[in-house]
Amino acid sequence: MVTVTLADAKTQLSALVERAARGETVQITRCGKPVAQITPIEAPRKRISLEELRAFTDSLRIKGEPEPNQVRRMRDGDRY
C-alpha cells in the first residue's frame, strides 16, 4: 500500500488514480493520520456463451480448408 500526504495527493491525483487502476491501494494522510483511501474497482467478469464463441471462431476459418493448410499457405505466401 502506498501512503501519501493530502498535499501530495492534490498535486499527483492522476498518477495515484493510475496506480489504483493497476491494482494498488493508495492511502491519503493528513497530519500523519489516514483520512482517505483510493482502491481499485473489481470489475465483474462477463460470461461468454458457447454459441457466441463458436460463431466467432467459425467466422475466422476459411471454409473447406483445414487450419494447418491455411497457416502453411499464409506463411509460405509471405515468405517469397
Protein backbone atom coordinates (compact mmCIF):
# COMPACT_ATOMS: atom_id res chain seq x y z
CA MET A 1 0.00 0.00 0.00
CA VAL A 2 1.24 3.45 -0.93
CA THR A 3 0.82 6.28 1.58
CA VAL A 4 0.86 9.96 0.55
CA THR A 5 0.04 13.22 2.26
CA LEU A 6 -3.03 15.19 1.31
CA ALA A 7 -0.87 17.93 -0.22
CA ASP A 8 0.96 15.39 -2.41
CA ALA A 9 -2.32 13.72 -3.36
CA LYS A 10 -3.64 17.05 -4.64
CA THR A 11 -0.69 17.50 -6.96
CA GLN A 12 -0.42 13.84 -8.04
CA LEU A 13 -4.06 12.78 -8.26
CA SER A 14 -3.88 11.49 -11.85
CA ALA A 15 -0.82 9.37 -11.10
CA LEU A 16 -2.40 8.00 -7.91
CA VAL A 17 -5.58 7.04 -9.75
CA GLU A 18 -3.46 5.25 -12.37
CA ARG A 19 -1.72 3.28 -9.63
CA ALA A 20 -5.09 2.31 -8.18
CA ALA A 21 -6.31 1.27 -11.63
CA ARG A 22 -3.30 -1.08 -11.86
CA GLY A 23 -4.35 -2.73 -8.59
CA GLU A 24 -2.53 -0.78 -5.87
CA THR A 25 -4.22 0.77 -2.85
CA VAL A 26 -3.30 4.38 -2.06
CA GLN A 27 -3.79 5.77 1.43
CA ILE A 28 -4.03 9.54 1.94
CA THR A 29 -2.97 11.06 5.25
CA ARG A 30 -3.48 14.44 6.89
CA CYS A 31 -1.21 15.38 9.81
CA GLY A 32 0.12 11.80 9.77
CA LYS A 33 -3.31 10.17 10.20
CA PRO A 34 -5.10 8.22 7.46
CA VAL A 35 -8.16 10.07 6.18
CA ALA A 36 -8.94 8.53 2.80
CA GLN A 37 -8.09 5.62 0.56
CA ILE A 38 -8.09 5.10 -3.22
CA THR A 39 -8.70 1.47 -4.16
CA PRO A 40 -9.14 -0.35 -7.45
CA ILE A 41 -12.63 -1.35 -8.53
CA GLU A 42 -13.19 -5.03 -9.15
CA ALA A 43 -15.00 -5.22 -12.49
CA PRO A 44 -17.28 -8.25 -12.83
CA ARG A 45 -16.20 -10.74 -15.46
CA LYS A 46 -18.58 -11.17 -18.38
CA ARG A 47 -19.53 -14.73 -19.17
CA ILE A 48 -19.15 -15.80 -22.79
CA SER A 49 -21.77 -18.08 -24.23
CA LEU A 50 -20.54 -21.16 -26.04
CA GLU A 51 -22.71 -20.36 -29.07
CA GLU A 52 -21.19 -16.87 -29.44
CA LEU A 53 -17.67 -18.26 -29.12
CA ARG A 54 -18.35 -20.98 -31.69
CA ALA A 55 -19.86 -18.46 -34.13
CA PHE A 56 -16.83 -16.19 -33.73
CA THR A 57 -14.27 -18.96 -34.28
CA ASP A 58 -16.22 -20.28 -37.26
CA SER A 59 -16.12 -16.82 -38.82
CA LEU A 60 -12.31 -16.85 -38.65
CA ARG A 61 -11.88 -20.01 -40.69
CA ILE A 62 -11.63 -20.22 -44.45
CA LYS A 63 -14.34 -22.70 -45.29
CA GLY A 64 -13.25 -26.04 -46.75
CA GLU A 65 -9.55 -25.82 -45.89
CA PRO A 66 -8.04 -27.39 -42.73
CA GLU A 67 -6.31 -24.96 -40.35
CA PRO A 68 -2.77 -26.37 -40.78
CA ASN A 69 -3.06 -25.86 -44.53
CA GLN A 70 -4.26 -22.28 -44.02
CA VAL A 71 -1.30 -21.48 -41.79
CA ARG A 72 1.17 -23.11 -44.17
CA ARG A 73 -0.29 -21.24 -47.17
CA MET A 74 -0.21 -17.87 -45.38
CA ARG A 75 3.32 -18.48 -44.10
CA ASP A 76 4.72 -19.55 -47.46
CA GLY A 77 2.90 -16.76 -49.31
CA ASP A 78 4.55 -14.06 -47.20
CA ARG A 79 7.97 -15.66 -47.30
CA TYR A 80 8.69 -15.20 -51.02
